[in-house]
N, C-alpha and C. Protein backbone atom coordinates (compact mmCIF):
# COMPACT_ATOMS: atom_id res chain seq x y z
N UNK A 1 9.67 11.35 31.84
CA UNK A 1 9.60 12.60 30.91
C UNK A 1 10.49 13.80 31.59
N UNK A 2 10.22 12.90 33.17
CA UNK A 2 10.74 14.38 34.20
C UNK A 2 12.07 14.53 33.64
N UNK A 3 13.30 13.56 33.72
CA UNK A 3 14.43 13.32 33.35
C UNK A 3 14.71 14.43 32.19
N UNK A 4 14.12 13.94 31.03
CA UNK A 4 14.02 14.27 30.18
C UNK A 4 14.20 16.35 30.08
N UNK A 5 12.84 16.53 30.92
CA UNK A 5 13.10 18.07 31.10
C UNK A 5 13.92 18.56 31.54
N UNK A 6 14.59 17.83 33.14
CA UNK A 6 15.40 18.23 33.57
C UNK A 6 17.00 18.36 32.89
N UNK A 7 17.03 17.84 31.85
CA UNK A 7 17.77 17.97 31.21
C UNK A 7 17.95 18.92 30.10
N UNK A 8 16.59 19.39 29.82
CA UNK A 8 16.42 20.15 28.47
C UNK A 8 16.72 21.40 29.39
N UNK A 9 16.00 22.31 30.39
CA UNK A 9 16.29 23.13 31.33
C UNK A 9 17.58 23.47 31.66
N UNK A 10 18.40 22.16 31.97
CA UNK A 10 19.97 22.75 32.14
C UNK A 10 20.44 22.62 31.14
N UNK A 11 20.17 22.57 29.71
CA UNK A 11 21.16 22.91 28.78
C UNK A 11 20.57 24.07 28.46
N UNK A 12 19.17 24.63 28.24
CA UNK A 12 18.83 25.61 28.13
C UNK A 12 19.38 26.90 29.27
N UNK A 13 19.50 26.68 30.80
CA UNK A 13 20.21 27.53 31.20
C UNK A 13 21.69 28.01 30.77
N UNK A 14 22.77 26.45 30.24
CA UNK A 14 24.16 26.56 30.28
C UNK A 14 24.04 27.34 28.87
N UNK A 15 22.99 26.99 27.89
CA UNK A 15 23.56 27.74 26.61
C UNK A 15 23.13 29.12 26.62
N UNK A 16 22.34 29.72 27.96
CA UNK A 16 21.73 31.32 27.98
C UNK A 16 23.15 31.64 28.37
N UNK A 17 24.17 31.44 29.91
CA UNK A 17 25.15 31.89 30.28
C UNK A 17 26.23 31.76 28.82
N UNK A 18 26.29 30.90 27.97
CA UNK A 18 27.40 31.05 26.71
C UNK A 18 26.82 32.09 26.20
N UNK A 19 25.56 32.29 25.84
CA UNK A 19 25.30 33.62 25.30
C UNK A 19 25.58 34.71 25.50
N UNK A 20 25.51 34.88 27.02
CA UNK A 20 26.06 35.99 27.56
C UNK A 20 27.16 36.55 27.52
N UNK A 21 27.93 35.43 27.88
CA UNK A 21 29.22 35.80 27.58
C UNK A 21 30.04 35.98 26.24
N UNK A 22 29.33 35.29 25.51
CA UNK A 22 29.62 35.22 24.06
C UNK A 22 29.10 37.32 23.72
N UNK A 23 28.11 37.52 24.52
CA UNK A 23 27.79 39.07 24.13
C UNK A 23 28.42 40.02 24.21
N UNK A 24 28.72 39.94 25.90
CA UNK A 24 29.85 40.38 26.46
C UNK A 24 31.47 40.59 26.24
N UNK A 25 32.01 39.83 25.24
CA UNK A 25 32.81 39.77 24.98
C UNK A 25 33.02 40.16 23.53
N UNK A 26 31.90 40.24 22.55
CA UNK A 26 32.14 40.94 21.56
C UNK A 26 31.73 42.42 21.93
N UNK A 27 31.62 43.04 22.89
CA UNK A 27 30.83 44.25 23.67
C UNK A 27 32.17 44.50 24.70
N UNK A 28 32.85 43.71 24.68
CA UNK A 28 34.11 44.04 25.39
C UNK A 28 34.35 45.70 25.94
N UNK A 29 35.02 46.12 24.55
CA UNK A 29 35.71 47.55 24.74
C UNK A 29 34.71 48.55 24.83
N UNK A 30 33.06 48.21 24.79
CA UNK A 30 32.30 49.02 25.13
C UNK A 30 32.23 48.84 26.92
N UNK A 31 32.22 47.85 27.23
CA UNK A 31 32.07 47.40 28.64
C UNK A 31 32.85 48.03 29.37
N UNK A 32 33.93 47.85 28.83
CA UNK A 32 35.26 48.53 30.03
C UNK A 32 35.42 50.20 29.27
N UNK A 33 35.47 50.69 28.48
CA UNK A 33 35.03 51.82 28.83
C UNK A 33 34.39 52.70 29.40
N UNK A 34 33.11 52.16 28.88
CA UNK A 34 31.75 52.64 29.79
C UNK A 34 30.92 51.80 30.08
N UNK A 35 31.29 51.11 31.13
CA UNK A 35 30.16 50.07 31.97
C UNK A 35 28.86 50.81 32.17
N UNK A 36 28.08 49.89 32.18
CA UNK A 36 26.80 50.23 32.16
C UNK A 36 26.24 49.03 32.86
N UNK A 37 25.12 49.14 34.08
CA UNK A 37 24.44 48.28 34.32
C UNK A 37 23.26 48.30 33.48
N UNK A 38 22.53 48.90 33.13
CA UNK A 38 21.69 49.08 31.75
C UNK A 38 22.07 48.42 30.38
N UNK A 39 23.67 48.48 29.97
CA UNK A 39 24.05 47.78 29.00
C UNK A 39 23.67 46.05 29.58
N UNK A 40 24.50 45.76 30.78
CA UNK A 40 24.41 44.45 31.29
C UNK A 40 22.98 43.50 31.05
N UNK A 41 21.86 44.39 31.41
CA UNK A 41 20.79 44.13 31.64
C UNK A 41 20.12 43.79 29.99
N UNK A 42 20.35 44.71 29.12
CA UNK A 42 20.25 44.34 27.76
C UNK A 42 20.96 43.28 27.52
N UNK A 43 22.30 42.94 27.59
CA UNK A 43 22.88 41.40 27.11
C UNK A 43 22.22 40.56 27.87
N UNK A 44 21.84 40.55 29.18
CA UNK A 44 21.57 39.34 29.46
C UNK A 44 20.25 39.06 28.77
N UNK A 45 19.13 40.26 28.50
CA UNK A 45 17.75 40.45 27.95
C UNK A 45 18.05 39.61 26.66
N UNK A 46 19.10 39.88 25.69
CA UNK A 46 19.40 39.38 24.63
C UNK A 46 20.04 38.03 24.31
N UNK A 47 20.85 37.64 25.71
CA UNK A 47 20.87 35.94 25.72
C UNK A 47 19.51 35.10 26.20
N UNK A 48 18.75 35.65 26.99
CA UNK A 48 17.71 35.09 27.10
C UNK A 48 16.56 34.64 25.75
N UNK A 49 16.48 35.94 25.12
CA UNK A 49 15.99 35.88 24.20
C UNK A 49 16.23 35.09 22.96
N UNK A 50 17.34 34.38 22.93
CA UNK A 50 17.88 34.02 21.82
C UNK A 50 17.77 32.53 22.49
N UNK A 51 18.08 32.62 23.62
CA UNK A 51 17.90 31.17 24.12
C UNK A 51 16.60 30.55 23.94
N UNK A 52 15.66 31.61 24.18
CA UNK A 52 14.28 30.94 24.27
C UNK A 52 14.10 30.34 22.79
N UNK A 53 14.45 31.48 21.93
CA UNK A 53 13.88 30.76 20.19
C UNK A 53 14.99 29.74 19.78
N UNK A 54 16.00 29.48 20.25
CA UNK A 54 16.87 28.06 20.24
C UNK A 54 16.45 27.46 20.39
N UNK A 55 16.03 27.47 21.78
CA UNK A 55 15.20 25.93 22.53
C UNK A 55 13.96 25.96 22.10
N UNK A 56 13.27 26.66 21.83
CA UNK A 56 11.49 26.41 21.40
C UNK A 56 12.14 25.39 20.16
N UNK A 57 13.02 26.39 19.04
CA UNK A 57 12.80 25.42 17.55
C UNK A 57 13.69 23.67 17.94
N UNK A 58 14.53 24.22 18.61
CA UNK A 58 14.87 22.60 18.98
C UNK A 58 14.34 21.41 19.55
N UNK A 59 13.13 21.92 20.45
CA UNK A 59 12.54 20.82 21.12
C UNK A 59 11.09 21.03 20.47
N UNK A 60 10.83 21.54 19.61
CA UNK A 60 9.94 21.40 18.42
C UNK A 60 10.25 20.09 16.95
N UNK A 61 11.48 20.53 16.69
CA UNK A 61 11.71 19.96 15.29
C UNK A 61 13.34 19.35 15.40
N UNK A 62 14.31 20.32 15.46
CA UNK A 62 15.52 19.37 16.06
C UNK A 62 16.02 18.52 16.68
N UNK A 63 15.39 17.82 17.96
CA UNK A 63 16.07 17.18 18.50
C UNK A 63 15.82 15.71 17.95
N UNK A 64 14.85 15.69 16.92
CA UNK A 64 14.92 14.33 16.15
C UNK A 64 15.92 14.15 15.50
N UNK A 65 16.77 14.76 15.18
CA UNK A 65 17.84 14.47 14.19
C UNK A 65 19.53 14.70 15.24
N UNK A 66 18.95 14.37 16.53
CA UNK A 66 20.20 15.01 17.37
C UNK A 66 20.68 12.97 17.87
N UNK A 67 22.09 12.77 18.03
CA UNK A 67 22.57 11.05 17.69
C UNK A 67 22.20 10.90 19.15
N UNK A 68 22.36 12.03 20.17
CA UNK A 68 22.59 11.94 21.18
C UNK A 68 21.30 11.81 22.30
N UNK A 69 20.29 12.36 21.61
CA UNK A 69 18.79 12.11 22.04
C UNK A 69 18.62 10.45 21.69
N UNK A 70 18.05 9.86 22.81
CA UNK A 70 17.50 8.19 22.93
C UNK A 70 16.31 8.00 22.67
N UNK A 71 15.54 9.75 22.97
CA UNK A 71 13.89 9.73 22.96
C UNK A 71 13.52 8.94 21.33
N UNK A 72 12.53 8.01 21.36
CA UNK A 72 12.56 7.25 20.39
C UNK A 72 11.07 8.47 19.08
N UNK A 73 11.66 8.48 18.22
CA UNK A 73 10.85 9.36 17.31
C UNK A 73 9.77 8.46 16.72
N UNK A 74 8.31 8.68 17.33
CA UNK A 74 6.93 8.05 16.99
C UNK A 74 6.19 9.11 16.11
N UNK A 75 6.46 9.71 15.91
CA UNK A 75 5.78 10.75 15.41
C UNK A 75 5.68 10.81 13.69
N UNK A 76 3.81 10.23 13.96
CA UNK A 76 3.56 9.61 12.54
C UNK A 76 2.09 8.77 12.36
N UNK A 77 2.00 8.49 11.66
CA UNK A 77 0.92 7.82 11.58
C UNK A 77 0.82 6.47 11.87
N UNK A 78 -0.30 5.20 12.51
CA UNK A 78 0.21 4.03 12.74
C UNK A 78 -0.95 3.38 12.08
N UNK A 79 -1.30 2.32 11.81
CA UNK A 79 -2.10 1.49 11.49
C UNK A 79 -2.32 0.04 12.51
N UNK A 80 -3.09 -0.36 13.01
CA UNK A 80 -3.20 -1.36 13.46
C UNK A 80 -4.35 -2.61 14.02
N UNK A 81 -4.06 -3.50 14.93
CA UNK A 81 -5.12 -4.32 15.06
C UNK A 81 -5.06 -4.14 16.70
N UNK A 82 -6.16 -3.85 17.71
CA UNK A 82 -6.73 -4.11 18.79
C UNK A 82 -7.55 -5.14 18.99
N UNK A 83 -7.39 -6.10 20.18
CA UNK A 83 -8.43 -7.07 20.49
C UNK A 83 -8.66 -7.15 21.98
N UNK A 84 -10.16 -7.23 22.23
CA UNK A 84 -10.76 -7.05 23.28
C UNK A 84 -10.99 -7.85 24.17
N UNK A 85 -10.85 -8.03 25.56
CA UNK A 85 -10.90 -9.59 25.62
C UNK A 85 -12.33 -8.98 26.45
N UNK A 86 -13.41 -7.95 25.97
CA UNK A 86 -14.33 -7.87 26.16
C UNK A 86 -15.73 -8.69 25.70
N UNK A 87 -15.22 -9.04 23.89
CA UNK A 87 -15.58 -9.80 23.31
C UNK A 87 -15.05 -10.67 22.11
N UNK A 88 -13.96 -10.80 22.66
CA UNK A 88 -12.80 -11.27 21.74
C UNK A 88 -12.80 -11.11 20.18
N UNK A 89 -13.33 -9.64 19.84
CA UNK A 89 -13.32 -8.88 18.91
C UNK A 89 -11.98 -8.33 18.16
N UNK A 90 -11.46 -8.18 17.27
CA UNK A 90 -10.45 -7.64 16.68
C UNK A 90 -10.72 -6.64 15.90
N UNK A 91 -10.13 -5.39 16.16
CA UNK A 91 -10.68 -4.13 15.56
C UNK A 91 -9.65 -3.49 14.80
N UNK A 92 -9.80 -3.12 13.47
CA UNK A 92 -8.64 -2.18 12.58
C UNK A 92 -8.78 -0.88 13.36
N UNK A 93 -7.61 -0.61 13.74
CA UNK A 93 -7.70 1.12 14.31
C UNK A 93 -6.56 2.00 13.54
N UNK A 94 -6.45 3.18 13.45
CA UNK A 94 -5.46 3.94 12.93
C UNK A 94 -5.56 4.99 14.34
N UNK A 95 -3.79 5.21 14.52
CA UNK A 95 -3.52 6.38 15.34
C UNK A 95 -2.43 6.90 15.09
N UNK A 96 -2.71 8.20 15.55
CA UNK A 96 -1.63 9.32 14.70
C UNK A 96 -1.12 9.90 16.01
N UNK A 97 0.12 10.15 16.12
CA UNK A 97 0.90 10.39 17.35
C UNK A 97 1.56 11.52 17.26
N UNK A 98 1.06 12.53 17.63
CA UNK A 98 1.69 14.14 17.57
C UNK A 98 3.09 13.88 18.95
N UNK A 99 4.58 14.32 18.48
CA UNK A 99 5.46 14.28 19.26
C UNK A 99 6.62 15.29 18.71
N UNK A 100 6.82 15.97 20.53
CA UNK A 100 7.61 16.98 20.19
C UNK A 100 8.78 16.53 21.59
N UNK A 101 9.53 17.33 21.64
CA UNK A 101 10.72 16.67 22.72
C UNK A 101 10.24 16.37 24.02
N UNK A 102 9.37 16.98 24.33
CA UNK A 102 8.99 17.28 25.62
C UNK A 102 7.13 16.53 25.45
N UNK A 103 6.53 16.41 24.86
CA UNK A 103 5.15 15.96 24.95
C UNK A 103 4.65 15.28 23.74
N UNK A 104 3.68 14.41 23.71
CA UNK A 104 3.47 13.26 23.17
C UNK A 104 1.44 13.41 23.21
N UNK A 105 1.13 13.58 22.07
CA UNK A 105 -0.06 13.69 21.97
C UNK A 105 -0.90 12.25 21.06
N UNK A 106 -1.57 11.72 21.46
CA UNK A 106 -2.10 10.11 20.83
C UNK A 106 -3.46 10.34 20.65
N UNK A 107 -3.95 9.81 19.24
CA UNK A 107 -5.48 9.83 18.35
C UNK A 107 -5.53 8.63 18.20
N UNK A 108 -6.24 7.69 19.13
CA UNK A 108 -6.72 6.36 18.24
C UNK A 108 -8.20 6.24 17.77
N UNK A 109 -8.68 5.62 16.45
CA UNK A 109 -9.69 5.99 16.12
C UNK A 109 -10.05 4.37 15.37
N UNK A 110 -11.36 4.13 15.31
CA UNK A 110 -11.80 2.55 15.18
C UNK A 110 -13.21 2.76 14.54
N UNK A 111 -13.69 2.39 14.15
CA UNK A 111 -15.02 2.57 13.32
C UNK A 111 -16.18 3.10 14.07
N UNK A 112 -15.97 2.53 15.35
CA UNK A 112 -16.74 2.85 16.56
C UNK A 112 -16.28 3.99 17.47
N UNK A 113 -15.46 4.21 17.66
CA UNK A 113 -15.04 5.27 18.65
C UNK A 113 -13.69 6.26 18.24
N UNK A 114 -13.32 7.15 18.83
CA UNK A 114 -12.03 7.81 18.83
C UNK A 114 -11.59 8.00 20.22
N UNK A 115 -10.46 8.20 20.46
CA UNK A 115 -9.64 8.47 21.88
C UNK A 115 -9.04 9.26 21.73
N UNK A 116 -8.39 9.83 22.91
CA UNK A 116 -7.22 10.85 22.87
C UNK A 116 -6.90 11.01 24.12
N UNK A 117 -5.48 10.84 23.64
CA UNK A 117 -4.74 10.96 25.15
C UNK A 117 -4.98 12.03 26.33
N UNK A 118 -5.04 12.23 27.67
CA UNK A 118 -5.59 12.68 28.29
C UNK A 118 -3.48 13.17 29.07
N UNK A 119 -2.87 12.01 29.16
CA UNK A 119 -0.94 12.16 29.79
C UNK A 119 -0.63 11.28 28.70
N UNK A 120 0.62 11.57 28.71
CA UNK A 120 1.85 10.48 28.03
C UNK A 120 2.99 11.06 28.45
N UNK A 121 3.75 9.67 28.38
CA UNK A 121 5.40 9.33 28.41
C UNK A 121 5.76 8.43 27.84
N UNK A 122 7.54 8.23 27.53
CA UNK A 122 7.99 7.15 27.23
C UNK A 122 9.27 7.24 28.49
N UNK A 123 9.12 6.35 29.47
CA UNK A 123 10.11 5.82 30.39
C UNK A 123 10.64 4.26 30.05
N UNK A 124 11.51 4.60 30.80
CA UNK A 124 12.03 2.85 30.38
C UNK A 124 11.71 2.00 31.54
N UNK A 125 11.23 0.87 31.03
CA UNK A 125 10.30 -0.10 32.29
C UNK A 125 11.19 -1.10 32.32
N UNK A 126 12.19 -1.73 32.72
CA UNK A 126 12.45 -3.09 32.65
C UNK A 126 13.26 -3.35 31.59
N UNK A 127 14.21 -2.39 30.88
CA UNK A 127 15.24 -2.26 30.22
C UNK A 127 14.66 -1.98 28.98
N UNK A 128 13.23 -1.55 28.71
CA UNK A 128 12.21 -1.67 27.93
C UNK A 128 11.93 -0.25 27.25
N UNK A 129 12.00 0.75 26.81
CA UNK A 129 11.24 1.64 25.97
C UNK A 129 9.65 1.66 25.99
N UNK A 130 8.79 2.51 26.98
CA UNK A 130 7.85 2.23 26.77
C UNK A 130 7.17 3.34 26.73
N UNK A 131 5.59 3.15 25.83
CA UNK A 131 5.11 4.89 25.59
C UNK A 131 4.04 4.06 26.33
N UNK A 132 3.62 4.92 27.63
CA UNK A 132 2.17 5.08 28.63
C UNK A 132 1.61 6.07 28.35
N UNK A 133 0.56 5.71 28.11
CA UNK A 133 -0.90 7.14 28.17
C UNK A 133 -1.98 6.50 28.63
N UNK A 134 -2.63 7.77 29.27
CA UNK A 134 -4.04 7.64 29.62
C UNK A 134 -5.10 8.57 28.63
N UNK A 135 -6.40 7.77 28.65
CA UNK A 135 -6.90 8.60 27.54
C UNK A 135 -8.17 8.32 27.58
N UNK A 136 -9.02 9.23 27.17
CA UNK A 136 -10.49 9.09 27.33
C UNK A 136 -10.59 8.55 25.61
N UNK A 137 -12.29 7.86 26.34
CA UNK A 137 -12.55 7.19 24.56
C UNK A 137 -13.78 7.64 24.58
N UNK A 138 -14.31 8.05 23.19
CA UNK A 138 -15.64 8.51 23.34
C UNK A 138 -16.41 7.66 21.38
N UNK A 139 -17.23 6.94 21.79
CA UNK A 139 -17.50 6.24 21.42
C UNK A 139 -19.02 7.13 20.61
N UNK A 140 -18.79 6.48 18.77
CA UNK A 140 -19.91 7.33 18.21
C UNK A 140 -21.28 6.82 18.80
N UNK A 141 -22.29 7.83 18.61
CA UNK A 141 -23.52 8.00 19.38
C UNK A 141 -24.16 6.80 18.96
N UNK A 142 -24.18 5.85 17.95
CA UNK A 142 -24.96 4.69 17.37
C UNK A 142 -24.52 3.23 18.24
N UNK A 143 -23.61 3.36 19.18
CA UNK A 143 -23.19 2.33 19.91
C UNK A 143 -22.85 2.59 21.88
N UNK A 144 -23.23 4.04 21.70
CA UNK A 144 -23.31 3.92 23.03
C UNK A 144 -24.49 3.26 23.92
N UNK A 145 -25.27 2.66 23.32
CA UNK A 145 -26.41 1.57 24.33
C UNK A 145 -25.36 0.82 24.46
N UNK A 146 -23.97 0.36 24.11
CA UNK A 146 -23.10 -1.03 24.61
C UNK A 146 -21.93 -0.21 24.80
N UNK A 147 -21.63 0.85 24.44
CA UNK A 147 -20.44 1.61 24.98
C UNK A 147 -20.49 3.08 25.22
N UNK A 148 -20.52 2.79 26.61
CA UNK A 148 -20.38 4.38 27.14
C UNK A 148 -19.21 4.55 26.92
N UNK A 149 -18.69 6.32 27.10
CA UNK A 149 -17.28 6.89 27.29
C UNK A 149 -16.86 6.44 28.53
N UNK A 150 -15.53 5.98 28.50
CA UNK A 150 -14.96 5.83 29.31
C UNK A 150 -13.17 5.94 29.14
N UNK A 151 -12.42 5.50 30.30
CA UNK A 151 -10.89 5.87 30.40
C UNK A 151 -10.22 4.83 30.23
N UNK A 152 -9.01 5.01 30.11
CA UNK A 152 -8.24 3.84 29.81
C UNK A 152 -6.94 4.19 29.82
N UNK A 153 -6.19 2.92 29.88
CA UNK A 153 -4.63 3.47 30.09
C UNK A 153 -3.75 2.34 29.28
N UNK A 154 -2.80 2.61 28.98
CA UNK A 154 -1.81 1.97 27.22
C UNK A 154 -0.47 1.84 27.61
N UNK A 155 -0.23 0.78 27.53
CA UNK A 155 1.42 0.25 27.83
C UNK A 155 2.13 -0.20 26.79
N UNK A 156 2.98 0.18 26.20
CA UNK A 156 3.17 -0.25 24.44
C UNK A 156 4.91 -0.06 24.65
N UNK A 157 5.63 -1.28 24.49
CA UNK A 157 6.80 -1.45 23.94
C UNK A 157 7.38 -0.74 22.46
N UNK A 158 8.19 0.65 22.72
CA UNK A 158 8.62 1.33 21.61
C UNK A 158 9.92 1.39 21.36
N UNK A 159 10.52 0.09 21.79
CA UNK A 159 12.38 -0.09 20.98
C UNK A 159 12.14 -0.24 19.60
N UNK A 160 11.21 -0.80 19.15
CA UNK A 160 11.38 -0.71 17.53
C UNK A 160 10.09 -0.14 17.03
N UNK A 161 10.48 1.25 16.32
CA UNK A 161 9.21 2.09 16.19
C UNK A 161 8.31 1.89 14.90
N UNK A 162 8.73 0.47 14.18
CA UNK A 162 7.91 0.06 12.96
C UNK A 162 7.22 -0.92 13.73
N UNK A 163 7.25 -1.57 14.89
CA UNK A 163 6.53 -2.55 15.61
C UNK A 163 5.84 -2.05 17.00
N UNK A 164 5.12 -1.13 17.07
CA UNK A 164 4.36 -0.90 18.41
C UNK A 164 3.48 -2.14 18.89
N UNK A 165 3.78 -2.43 20.15
CA UNK A 165 3.00 -3.42 20.64
C UNK A 165 2.35 -3.07 22.31
N UNK A 166 1.46 -3.69 22.96
CA UNK A 166 1.48 -3.54 24.37
C UNK A 166 -0.34 -4.03 24.49
N UNK A 167 -0.36 -3.62 25.82
CA UNK A 167 -1.73 -3.81 26.49
C UNK A 167 -2.56 -2.44 26.68
N UNK A 168 -3.62 -2.63 26.91
CA UNK A 168 -4.39 -1.76 27.61
C UNK A 168 -5.41 -2.03 28.22
N UNK A 169 -5.91 -1.15 29.64
CA UNK A 169 -6.85 -1.62 30.02
C UNK A 169 -8.30 -0.40 30.75
N UNK A 170 -9.29 -0.78 30.92
CA UNK A 170 -10.44 0.24 30.81
C UNK A 170 -10.87 0.39 32.28
N UNK A 171 -11.65 1.62 32.56
CA UNK A 171 -11.99 1.74 34.09
C UNK A 171 -13.72 0.90 33.84
N UNK A 172 -13.76 0.32 32.55
CA UNK A 172 -14.65 -0.58 32.63
C UNK A 172 -14.72 -2.13 32.70
N UNK A 173 -13.52 -2.35 33.37
CA UNK A 173 -12.82 -3.59 33.45
C UNK A 173 -12.61 -4.22 32.45
N UNK A 174 -12.14 -3.87 30.69
CA UNK A 174 -12.00 -4.22 30.09
C UNK A 174 -10.29 -4.48 29.67
N UNK A 175 -9.74 -5.30 29.22
CA UNK A 175 -8.43 -5.18 28.65
C UNK A 175 -8.12 -5.58 27.17
N UNK A 176 -7.07 -5.46 26.54
CA UNK A 176 -7.04 -5.91 25.14
C UNK A 176 -5.48 -5.82 24.97
N UNK A 177 -4.89 -6.34 23.53
CA UNK A 177 -3.64 -6.35 22.82
C UNK A 177 -3.94 -5.49 21.95
N UNK A 178 -2.79 -4.44 22.01
CA UNK A 178 -2.74 -3.99 20.08
C UNK A 178 -1.65 -3.69 20.00
N UNK A 179 -1.14 -3.85 18.88
CA UNK A 179 -0.08 -3.46 17.78
C UNK A 179 -0.21 -2.63 16.54
N UNK A 180 0.34 -1.76 16.60
CA UNK A 180 0.75 -0.88 15.53
C UNK A 180 1.99 -0.70 14.69
N UNK A 181 1.89 -0.49 13.15
CA UNK A 181 2.94 -0.51 12.09
C UNK A 181 2.76 0.93 11.68
N UNK A 182 3.67 1.27 10.98
CA UNK A 182 3.55 2.48 10.69
C UNK A 182 2.59 2.23 9.22
N UNK A 183 1.75 3.61 8.99
CA UNK A 183 0.67 3.56 7.93
C UNK A 183 1.57 3.55 6.65
N UNK A 184 2.78 3.99 6.34
CA UNK A 184 3.60 4.42 5.27
C UNK A 184 4.37 3.03 5.18
N UNK A 185 4.35 2.02 5.91
CA UNK A 185 5.25 1.04 5.74
C UNK A 185 4.37 -0.13 4.90
N UNK A 186 4.66 -0.94 4.06
CA UNK A 186 4.22 -1.69 3.14
C UNK A 186 3.88 -3.29 3.91
């Protein structure tokens, strides 16, 4: 994610420079005939403002349609199975991933609990795109006698966005496997 952030800010910087140059080009006669530092600061402010607007729109929405961007688009609802080594039980899960170019939020729900991501990122690990996130799990009140609130980490391969799979482990010293498919795929 850090690499993605650096590329994003470098692109925003160069976009701002190009917009400033274009603004000066269109106002060249005014600049030549009546140069003013006040006008130059105004042009800089305009370039920064337009850059902020364009980069915000790109970061929130348009990045998904950029063929040069290699970040997998995971934003959607998933369903799947989670199998815990704690009790060997396989549980049905529902997952919603909310994503922009620079942020990812994951909410996983079972019949007994709900997990919310605390941090998340997509990175290349051993030539494989992996979604890694830390979460806090809050069990429903009726199961807290056997399942306390806990933290955990998930690492999932996301090379195929229609088949996410991986493992998790928790601070309760339990582990498990997780497999997800998009909720809208039959």
